[in-house]
Amino acid sequence: MPEATIIERNNLVLSIYSLASMLTVSIMYFDELYYYNNKDRISNGEYWHSSHNRWMSELDRLSLPNL
């Protein structure tokens, strides 16, 4: 019985990690689409958009070889 509990816990952790990864990718994809579809208006100050630079800086940070 303990082995079944361990397997269930491992599957639960894997499921949560997978869902969190999919959510992160979806948010980043939406952010990129929003930015590129509205970049002219954003640069003119017509639309407000601050998360693009934060996402890109986090992506750069996570892409560093020493991480």
Protein backbone atom coordinates (compact mmCIF):
# COMPACT_ATOMS: atom_id res chain seq x y z
CA MET A 1 0.00 0.00 0.00
CA PRO A 2 2.76 2.62 0.73
CA GLU A 3 4.16 2.25 -2.79
CA ALA A 4 0.76 3.18 -4.24
CA THR A 5 0.63 6.30 -2.06
CA ILE A 6 4.11 7.35 -3.17
CA ILE A 7 3.18 6.83 -6.83
CA GLU A 8 -0.02 8.86 -6.37
CA ARG A 9 1.93 11.69 -4.73
CA ASN A 10 4.51 11.66 -7.51
CA ASN A 11 1.75 11.77 -10.11
CA LEU A 12 0.07 14.64 -8.26
CA VAL A 13 3.32 16.65 -8.15
CA LEU A 14 3.93 15.96 -11.84
CA SER A 15 0.38 17.05 -12.70
CA ILE A 16 0.69 20.29 -10.72
CA TYR A 17 4.07 21.05 -12.30
CA SER A 18 2.69 20.35 -15.78
CA LEU A 19 -0.33 22.58 -15.27
CA ALA A 20 1.83 25.38 -13.85
CA SER A 21 4.17 25.10 -16.85
CA MET A 22 1.27 25.24 -19.30
CA LEU A 23 -0.18 28.28 -17.52
CA THR A 24 3.18 30.08 -17.64
CA VAL A 25 3.63 29.38 -21.34
CA SER A 26 0.07 30.52 -22.06
CA ILE A 27 0.58 33.79 -20.18
CA MET A 28 3.89 34.44 -21.93
CA TYR A 29 2.35 33.66 -25.33
CA PHE A 30 -0.59 35.97 -24.67
CA ASP A 31 1.77 38.71 -23.49
CA GLU A 32 3.88 38.41 -26.63
CA LEU A 33 0.82 38.51 -28.89
CA TYR A 34 -0.57 41.51 -27.04
CA TYR A 35 2.74 43.35 -27.23
CA TYR A 36 3.40 42.70 -30.92
CA ASN A 37 -0.19 43.43 -31.95
CA ASN A 38 -0.19 46.73 -30.06
CA LYS A 39 3.48 47.81 -30.00
CA ASP A 40 2.85 50.96 -32.06
CA ARG A 41 0.11 52.13 -29.71
CA ILE A 42 2.10 51.13 -26.64
CA SER A 43 5.17 53.12 -27.75
CA ASN A 44 2.97 56.17 -28.39
CA GLY A 45 1.56 55.96 -24.88
CA GLU A 46 -1.94 55.17 -26.14
CA TYR A 47 -1.95 51.77 -24.37
CA TRP A 48 -0.28 50.91 -21.10
CA HIS A 49 1.83 47.76 -21.02
CA SER A 50 4.53 47.11 -18.48
CA SER A 51 4.64 43.34 -18.11
CA HIS A 52 6.41 42.67 -21.42
CA ASN A 53 9.72 44.05 -20.16
CA ARG A 54 9.37 42.14 -16.89
CA TRP A 55 8.66 38.88 -18.73
CA MET A 56 11.59 39.39 -21.04
CA SER A 57 13.96 40.20 -18.16
CA GLU A 58 12.86 37.04 -16.32
CA LEU A 59 13.31 34.99 -19.48
CA ASP A 60 16.81 36.44 -19.89
CA ARG A 61 17.60 35.70 -16.25
CA LEU A 62 16.38 32.10 -16.55
CA SER A 63 18.39 31.66 -19.75
CA LEU A 64 21.70 32.53 -18.07
CA PRO A 65 24.18 29.63 -18.08
CA ASN A 66 24.97 30.00 -14.37
CA LEU A 67 21.38 29.42 -13.29
